[in-house]
Amino acid sequence: MLRILLTGMVLVPLLSVSCRQAAADQRHEAPARQYTEPENITAVKVLVLRKAMFSYYIESSGKIKARQKEVIHAEQSGPLRICNVWNNKMLEAGETVIAFDQRAITLRRERASEEHFNASINYKSELLNQASLLESKSQQIKDTVYHKLKSNTGLTNAELTLKELALELEKMSIKAPFRGMAADVKVQQGSTVRAGDELFTIYTPADLYLEASILESDFNMMKAGQPATLQTVAGSRHHAVITEMNPIVDDNGMMLVKLKIIDHQSLVPGMNAMAKMAIPLQQVLAVPKEAVVMRSGKPVVFTVQKNQARWQYVKTGRDNGTTVEITEGLSDGDSIIISNNVQLTHNSAVSIIR
């Protein structure tokens, strides 16, 4: 009994000291703070979506051609006595630019003229001899006799020879068929050519057009008179207008259009150029191209509701390079995010940049 009391007396002071030490430790310890992760807010620009006229551009490359272009060939063989044509020379319609040596054909024509003269004298002489016999004959019989006399005296052949030589003489000189620029000249004075040889090309430099191909799906949106712009490989820009549309689809599903070039300076046939044709459409919902992001291979546009980004799947239509037509998924009046949207997720906190 005495041992138990002694033990109790020892434990009571120890417990008292421990309690006082714990209380002191609690007084010196700082109170614990509740920690919360700060919310990540993305600053974005917002656009209120409204229906507007959407311009769609069709781009197609092609070659520049001349409305009038002709390759001139030799119709005779022989040396060239005159060659008044060179590259980049402007030729007037009807101007004689090339002439062959005509001395041989001139002699043949003089000989044929002499033969025609003698045959004509003989024919007239025979007519006088037959005049009394033909007085009582019908006109049909007279015409038959006259024809026979012309043939027998050689007058018919002489007349045909003169006509053939006149035609050959016309071919001995070459005239410009229309007013145009000479190009690809292959001959010079003194050259000897053969019939069928290519001599030069002439084209109208002020009447150029671009021939381009478009998809058959775009054909019905185009019509004659629509404006367009051209850009050459060198970078020069030119105005154009659609003048012709060929309503035939080729094996590749393409259709041809022709665009008349308005300002043709510095352009020549054969140049490559890119045509950009503006196709005005009806009023549609369209968003800036940067507003559309891809998620799992599908187009998405973020809208803003109560300072949160809302993930909206959309269906897109035509793309003109700066704006994209939205055919499904958005409504007129929606507030869409047009910046800092790549890293956004559904319900991301955002602040609008005013």
Protein backbone atom coordinates (compact mmCIF):
# COMPACT_ATOMS: atom_id res chain seq x y z
CA MET A 1 0.00 0.00 0.00
CA LEU A 2 2.81 2.32 0.88
CA ARG A 3 4.59 1.40 -2.41
CA ILE A 4 1.55 2.31 -4.49
CA LEU A 5 1.18 5.67 -2.79
CA LEU A 6 4.83 6.49 -3.44
CA THR A 7 4.48 5.63 -7.08
CA GLY A 8 1.45 7.85 -7.40
CA MET A 9 3.24 10.71 -5.80
CA VAL A 10 6.06 10.42 -8.31
CA LEU A 11 3.76 10.19 -11.42
CA VAL A 12 1.61 13.18 -10.49
CA PRO A 13 4.45 15.73 -10.68
CA LEU A 14 5.69 14.18 -13.95
CA LEU A 15 2.28 14.42 -15.58
CA SER A 16 1.95 18.01 -14.38
CA VAL A 17 5.30 18.93 -15.92
CA SER A 18 4.38 17.24 -19.26
CA CYS A 19 1.07 19.08 -19.49
CA ARG A 20 2.72 22.42 -18.81
CA GLN A 21 5.38 21.73 -21.52
CA ALA A 22 2.72 20.78 -24.12
CA ALA A 23 0.77 23.93 -23.36
CA ALA A 24 3.92 26.01 -23.77
CA ASP A 25 4.68 24.34 -27.14
CA GLN A 26 1.17 25.11 -28.36
CA ARG A 27 1.60 28.78 -27.42
CA HIS A 28 4.82 29.08 -29.47
CA GLU A 29 3.58 27.11 -32.59
CA ALA A 30 2.12 29.28 -35.44
CA PRO A 31 -1.47 28.52 -36.42
CA ALA A 32 -1.77 26.35 -39.62
CA ARG A 33 -2.90 28.17 -42.89
CA GLN A 34 -5.35 26.64 -45.39
CA TYR A 35 -3.55 26.52 -48.89
CA THR A 36 -5.54 26.65 -52.16
CA GLU A 37 -4.10 26.39 -55.70
CA PRO A 38 -4.46 29.75 -57.53
CA GLU A 39 -6.79 29.50 -60.55
CA ASN A 40 -5.07 29.74 -64.02
CA ILE A 41 -6.88 32.45 -65.98
CA THR A 42 -6.16 32.96 -69.72
CA ALA A 43 -6.56 36.40 -71.27
CA VAL A 44 -8.38 36.16 -74.60
CA LYS A 45 -9.85 38.36 -77.31
CA VAL A 46 -13.52 37.83 -78.10
CA LEU A 47 -15.59 38.48 -81.21
CA VAL A 48 -19.39 38.59 -81.31
CA LEU A 49 -20.44 36.43 -84.23
CA ARG A 50 -22.73 38.02 -86.82
CA LYS A 51 -23.82 36.97 -90.28
CA ALA A 52 -21.93 38.82 -92.99
CA MET A 53 -21.20 38.63 -96.71
CA PHE A 54 -18.55 35.99 -97.24
CA SER A 55 -16.19 36.25 -100.20
CA TYR A 56 -14.73 32.98 -101.36
CA TYR A 57 -11.65 32.94 -103.53
CA ILE A 58 -10.90 30.31 -106.14
CA GLU A 59 -7.25 30.05 -107.06
CA SER A 60 -5.94 28.35 -110.16
CA SER A 61 -2.74 28.48 -112.17
CA GLY A 62 -2.56 28.71 -115.93
CA LYS A 63 -0.74 30.09 -118.93
CA ILE A 64 -1.12 33.47 -120.56
CA LYS A 65 -2.20 33.32 -124.19
CA ALA A 66 -2.95 35.79 -126.97
CA ARG A 67 -6.47 36.10 -128.31
CA GLN A 68 -5.04 36.21 -131.84
CA LYS A 69 -1.93 34.21 -132.59
CA GLU A 70 -0.74 32.71 -135.85
CA VAL A 71 2.35 30.82 -136.87
CA ILE A 72 3.38 31.87 -140.39
CA HIS A 73 4.72 29.16 -142.70
CA ALA A 74 6.39 29.37 -146.10
CA GLU A 75 4.18 28.37 -149.03
CA GLN A 76 7.04 28.41 -151.52
CA SER A 77 10.61 27.22 -151.62
CA GLY A 78 13.61 29.39 -152.38
CA PRO A 79 15.83 32.20 -151.10
CA LEU A 80 14.39 35.22 -149.27
CA ARG A 81 15.02 38.51 -151.05
CA ILE A 82 13.34 40.61 -148.36
CA CYS A 83 13.00 39.82 -144.65
CA ASN A 84 11.64 42.85 -142.85
CA VAL A 85 10.67 41.10 -139.62
CA TRP A 86 12.43 40.55 -136.32
CA ASN A 87 11.49 39.68 -132.77
CA ASN A 88 9.42 42.22 -130.86
CA LYS A 89 8.62 44.25 -133.99
CA MET A 90 5.07 45.58 -134.30
CA LEU A 91 3.66 44.65 -137.72
CA GLU A 92 0.79 46.42 -139.44
CA ALA A 93 -2.05 44.47 -141.05
CA GLY A 94 -1.28 43.85 -144.74
CA GLU A 95 2.37 44.88 -144.42
CA THR A 96 4.74 42.88 -146.66
CA VAL A 97 7.37 41.46 -144.32
CA ILE A 98 8.93 38.64 -146.36
CA ALA A 99 9.46 38.27 -150.14
CA PHE A 100 11.07 35.47 -152.12
CA ASP A 101 13.30 35.95 -155.13
CA GLN A 102 10.73 36.45 -157.90
CA ARG A 103 12.99 36.57 -160.95
CA ALA A 104 12.29 33.00 -162.11
CA ILE A 105 8.53 33.26 -161.76
CA THR A 106 8.54 36.66 -163.46
CA LEU A 107 10.18 35.09 -166.55
CA ARG A 108 7.63 32.28 -166.51
CA ARG A 109 4.83 34.77 -166.33
CA GLU A 110 6.21 36.80 -169.27
CA ARG A 111 6.48 33.61 -171.32
CA ALA A 112 2.93 32.62 -170.39
CA SER A 113 1.67 36.09 -171.32
CA GLU A 114 3.26 35.75 -174.75
CA GLU A 115 1.69 32.33 -175.26
CA HIS A 116 -1.66 33.73 -174.17
CA PHE A 117 -1.35 36.56 -176.69
CA ASN A 118 -0.62 34.18 -179.60
CA ALA A 119 -3.41 31.82 -178.58
CA SER A 120 -5.82 34.74 -178.40
CA ILE A 121 -4.90 35.83 -181.96
CA ASN A 122 -5.43 32.31 -183.29
CA TYR A 123 -8.76 32.04 -181.47
CA LYS A 124 -10.04 35.29 -182.96
CA SER A 125 -8.93 34.15 -186.41
CA GLU A 126 -10.83 30.89 -186.09
CA LEU A 127 -13.91 32.78 -184.93
CA LEU A 128 -13.90 34.84 -188.11
CA ASN A 129 -13.67 31.68 -190.20
CA GLN A 130 -16.63 30.14 -188.37
CA ALA A 131 -18.76 33.28 -188.16
CA SER A 132 -20.82 32.68 -191.34
CA LEU A 133 -21.46 29.04 -190.40
CA LEU A 134 -22.65 29.90 -186.90
CA GLU A 135 -25.15 32.65 -187.83
CA SER A 136 -28.10 30.30 -188.09
CA LYS A 137 -27.14 28.07 -185.18
CA SER A 138 -28.63 28.10 -181.72
CA GLN A 139 -26.80 29.73 -178.80
CA GLN A 140 -26.05 26.36 -177.24
CA ILE A 141 -24.29 25.19 -180.40
CA LYS A 142 -22.39 28.47 -180.66
CA ASP A 143 -21.14 28.15 -177.06
CA THR A 144 -19.95 24.62 -177.73
CA VAL A 145 -18.04 25.74 -180.83
CA TYR A 146 -16.48 28.69 -179.02
CA HIS A 147 -15.29 26.39 -176.20
CA LYS A 148 -13.84 23.94 -178.70
CA LEU A 149 -12.02 26.69 -180.56
CA LYS A 150 -10.47 28.04 -177.32
CA SER A 151 -9.22 24.60 -176.46
CA ASN A 152 -7.86 23.85 -179.96
CA THR A 153 -6.00 27.16 -180.21
CA GLY A 154 -4.42 26.76 -176.76
CA LEU A 155 -6.17 29.82 -175.31
CA THR A 156 -7.81 27.85 -172.50
CA ASN A 157 -4.48 26.44 -171.30
CA ALA A 158 -2.80 29.84 -171.61
CA GLU A 159 -5.46 31.45 -169.39
CA LEU A 160 -5.11 28.69 -166.76
CA THR A 161 -1.33 29.05 -166.79
CA LEU A 162 -1.58 32.80 -166.11
CA LYS A 163 -3.98 32.18 -163.20
CA GLU A 164 -1.65 29.57 -161.68
CA LEU A 165 1.33 31.91 -162.00
CA ALA A 166 -0.63 34.76 -160.42
CA LEU A 167 -1.44 32.52 -157.44
CA GLU A 168 2.20 31.47 -157.15
CA LEU A 169 3.28 35.10 -157.31
CA GLU A 170 1.00 35.92 -154.38
CA LYS A 171 2.73 33.23 -152.37
CA MET A 172 6.11 34.75 -153.15
CA SER A 173 5.43 37.54 -150.66
CA ILE A 174 4.13 37.21 -147.10
CA LYS A 175 2.01 39.89 -145.47
CA ALA A 176 1.03 40.35 -141.82
CA PRO A 177 -2.49 38.94 -141.43
CA PHE A 178 -3.35 41.42 -138.66
CA ARG A 179 -1.71 44.09 -136.54
CA GLY A 180 0.48 42.33 -134.02
CA MET A 181 3.86 41.65 -132.48
CA ALA A 182 6.42 39.45 -134.24
CA ALA A 183 8.00 36.69 -132.20
CA ASP A 184 9.99 33.50 -132.59
CA VAL A 185 11.45 34.71 -135.90
CA LYS A 186 13.43 31.89 -137.51
CA VAL A 187 14.66 33.46 -140.79
CA GLN A 188 16.58 36.43 -142.06
CA GLN A 189 17.30 38.03 -145.41
CA GLY A 190 19.12 35.60 -147.69
CA SER A 191 17.85 32.47 -145.93
CA THR A 192 16.72 29.62 -148.14
CA VAL A 193 13.52 27.95 -147.02
CA ARG A 194 11.33 25.12 -148.14
CA ALA A 195 7.55 25.09 -148.49
CA GLY A 196 6.04 24.37 -145.07
CA ASP A 197 8.93 25.78 -143.03
CA GLU A 198 7.99 27.91 -140.02
CA LEU A 199 9.02 31.55 -140.50
CA PHE A 200 7.71 33.56 -137.51
CA THR A 201 4.81 34.00 -135.11
CA ILE A 202 2.54 37.01 -134.81
CA TYR A 203 0.22 37.75 -131.88
CA THR A 204 -1.85 40.59 -130.44
CA PRO A 205 0.04 41.92 -127.38
CA ALA A 206 -2.88 44.09 -126.21
CA ASP A 207 -5.38 41.23 -126.15
CA LEU A 208 -4.09 38.63 -123.71
CA TYR A 209 -5.98 36.17 -121.55
CA LEU A 210 -5.26 33.50 -118.96
CA GLU A 211 -6.58 30.01 -119.46
CA ALA A 212 -7.02 28.19 -116.14
CA SER A 213 -8.73 25.07 -114.80
CA ILE A 214 -11.20 25.00 -111.91
CA LEU A 215 -13.00 22.22 -110.05
CA GLU A 216 -16.40 21.29 -111.43
CA SER A 217 -17.87 21.98 -107.96
CA ASP A 218 -16.85 25.64 -108.30
CA PHE A 219 -18.18 26.10 -111.83
CA ASN A 220 -21.76 27.10 -110.94
CA MET A 221 -20.54 29.85 -108.61
CA MET A 222 -18.80 31.66 -111.44
CA LYS A 223 -20.11 33.78 -114.27
CA ALA A 224 -18.79 36.01 -117.00
CA GLY A 225 -17.90 39.49 -115.80
CA GLN A 226 -16.61 38.51 -112.35
CA PRO A 227 -13.34 40.25 -111.42
CA ALA A 228 -10.09 38.48 -110.68
CA THR A 229 -6.44 39.22 -110.03
CA LEU A 230 -3.38 37.57 -111.54
CA GLN A 231 0.08 37.16 -110.12
CA THR A 232 2.98 36.11 -112.32
CA VAL A 233 5.97 34.06 -111.28
CA ALA A 234 7.96 37.31 -111.18
CA GLY A 235 5.47 38.73 -108.66
CA SER A 236 3.69 41.35 -110.77
CA ARG A 237 -0.06 41.71 -110.19
CA HIS A 238 -2.67 42.40 -112.85
CA HIS A 239 -6.42 42.89 -113.02
CA ALA A 240 -8.55 40.50 -115.05
CA VAL A 241 -12.17 39.59 -115.69
CA ILE A 242 -13.80 36.24 -116.49
CA THR A 243 -14.94 36.20 -120.13
CA GLU A 244 -15.51 32.54 -121.02
CA MET A 245 -16.40 29.30 -119.21
CA ASN A 246 -16.21 26.02 -121.05
CA PRO A 247 -19.16 23.80 -119.90
CA ILE A 248 -17.25 20.55 -120.44
CA VAL A 249 -15.66 18.52 -117.62
CA ASP A 250 -12.41 16.76 -118.49
CA ASP A 251 -11.30 13.35 -117.24
CA ASN A 252 -9.76 14.95 -114.14
CA GLY A 253 -12.97 16.70 -113.08
CA MET A 254 -11.69 20.12 -114.17
CA MET A 255 -13.28 22.82 -116.31
CA LEU A 256 -11.62 25.60 -118.31
CA VAL A 257 -12.19 29.31 -117.82
CA LYS A 258 -10.69 32.26 -119.66
CA LEU A 259 -9.83 35.55 -117.99
CA LYS A 260 -9.18 38.66 -120.05
CA ILE A 261 -6.20 40.60 -118.70
CA ILE A 262 -6.98 44.29 -118.26
CA ASP A 263 -3.52 45.72 -117.62
CA HIS A 264 -1.29 43.64 -119.88
CA GLN A 265 1.96 45.60 -119.63
CA SER A 266 5.08 43.43 -119.29
CA LEU A 267 3.10 40.25 -120.07
CA VAL A 268 3.75 37.93 -123.02
CA PRO A 269 2.21 34.66 -124.17
CA GLY A 270 3.49 31.54 -122.43
CA MET A 271 3.97 33.14 -119.01
CA ASN A 272 2.71 31.21 -115.99
CA ALA A 273 0.38 33.02 -113.60
CA MET A 274 -1.90 32.35 -110.65
CA ALA A 275 -5.50 33.57 -110.89
CA LYS A 276 -7.46 34.53 -107.79
CA MET A 277 -11.18 34.82 -108.51
CA ALA A 278 -13.53 36.34 -105.93
CA ILE A 279 -16.87 34.55 -105.64
CA PRO A 280 -19.45 36.56 -103.65
CA LEU A 281 -21.74 34.32 -101.59
CA GLN A 282 -24.83 34.91 -99.47
CA GLN A 283 -24.59 36.15 -95.91
CA VAL A 284 -23.19 33.40 -93.71
CA LEU A 285 -21.65 32.86 -90.30
CA ALA A 286 -17.91 33.09 -90.72
CA VAL A 287 -15.12 33.21 -88.14
CA PRO A 288 -11.48 34.30 -88.37
CA LYS A 289 -9.30 31.37 -89.34
CA GLU A 290 -7.40 31.55 -86.04
CA ALA A 291 -10.63 30.92 -84.12
CA VAL A 292 -10.75 27.32 -85.34
CA VAL A 293 -8.55 24.77 -83.55
CA MET A 294 -8.35 21.03 -84.00
CA ARG A 295 -9.21 18.59 -81.22
CA SER A 296 -8.94 14.86 -81.96
CA GLY A 297 -8.97 15.66 -85.65
CA LYS A 298 -12.19 17.68 -85.46
CA PRO A 299 -12.62 21.47 -85.77
CA VAL A 300 -13.51 23.27 -82.55
CA VAL A 301 -14.40 26.89 -81.75
CA PHE A 302 -14.38 28.14 -78.15
CA THR A 303 -17.18 30.41 -76.98
CA VAL A 304 -17.30 32.43 -73.74
CA GLN A 305 -19.98 31.96 -71.13
CA LYS A 306 -19.64 33.46 -67.62
CA ASN A 307 -15.89 33.90 -68.02
CA GLN A 308 -15.40 30.28 -69.00
CA ALA A 309 -14.38 28.82 -72.36
CA ARG A 310 -16.94 26.45 -73.84
CA TRP A 311 -15.79 23.79 -76.26
CA GLN A 312 -17.99 23.79 -79.41
CA TYR A 313 -17.62 21.26 -82.22
CA VAL A 314 -18.36 22.92 -85.56
CA LYS A 315 -18.73 22.02 -89.20
CA THR A 316 -16.78 24.26 -91.55
CA GLY A 317 -17.54 25.28 -95.12
CA ARG A 318 -15.38 27.28 -97.46
CA ASP A 319 -12.09 28.86 -96.52
CA ASN A 320 -10.98 32.09 -98.22
CA GLY A 321 -7.62 32.24 -96.49
CA THR A 322 -8.61 34.67 -93.72
CA THR A 323 -12.08 33.54 -92.63
CA VAL A 324 -13.84 30.18 -92.48
CA GLU A 325 -17.52 29.57 -93.10
CA ILE A 326 -19.33 27.84 -90.20
CA THR A 327 -22.26 25.69 -91.33
CA GLU A 328 -23.10 24.05 -88.01
CA GLY A 329 -22.27 24.41 -84.32
CA LEU A 330 -22.51 28.18 -83.75
CA SER A 331 -25.30 30.75 -83.72
CA ASP A 332 -25.62 34.41 -84.54
CA GLY A 333 -24.64 36.42 -81.45
CA ASP A 334 -22.25 33.87 -79.94
CA SER A 335 -19.12 35.31 -78.36
CA ILE A 336 -16.18 33.39 -79.79
CA ILE A 337 -12.56 33.35 -78.67
CA ILE A 338 -10.11 34.43 -81.37
CA SER A 339 -6.79 34.44 -79.47
CA ASN A 340 -4.86 32.26 -77.00
CA ASN A 341 -7.20 29.36 -77.74
CA VAL A 342 -4.64 26.65 -78.53
CA GLN A 343 -4.10 25.69 -74.88
CA LEU A 344 -7.73 26.08 -73.77
CA THR A 345 -9.90 23.22 -72.56
CA HIS A 346 -13.59 23.01 -71.81
CA ASN A 347 -14.54 25.26 -68.88
CA SER A 348 -11.11 26.93 -68.75
CA ALA A 349 -11.25 30.24 -66.87
CA VAL A 350 -10.72 33.23 -69.15
CA SER A 351 -10.61 36.98 -68.92
CA ILE A 352 -11.68 39.10 -71.85
CA ILE A 353 -9.22 41.66 -73.23
CA ARG A 354 -11.11 44.86 -73.77
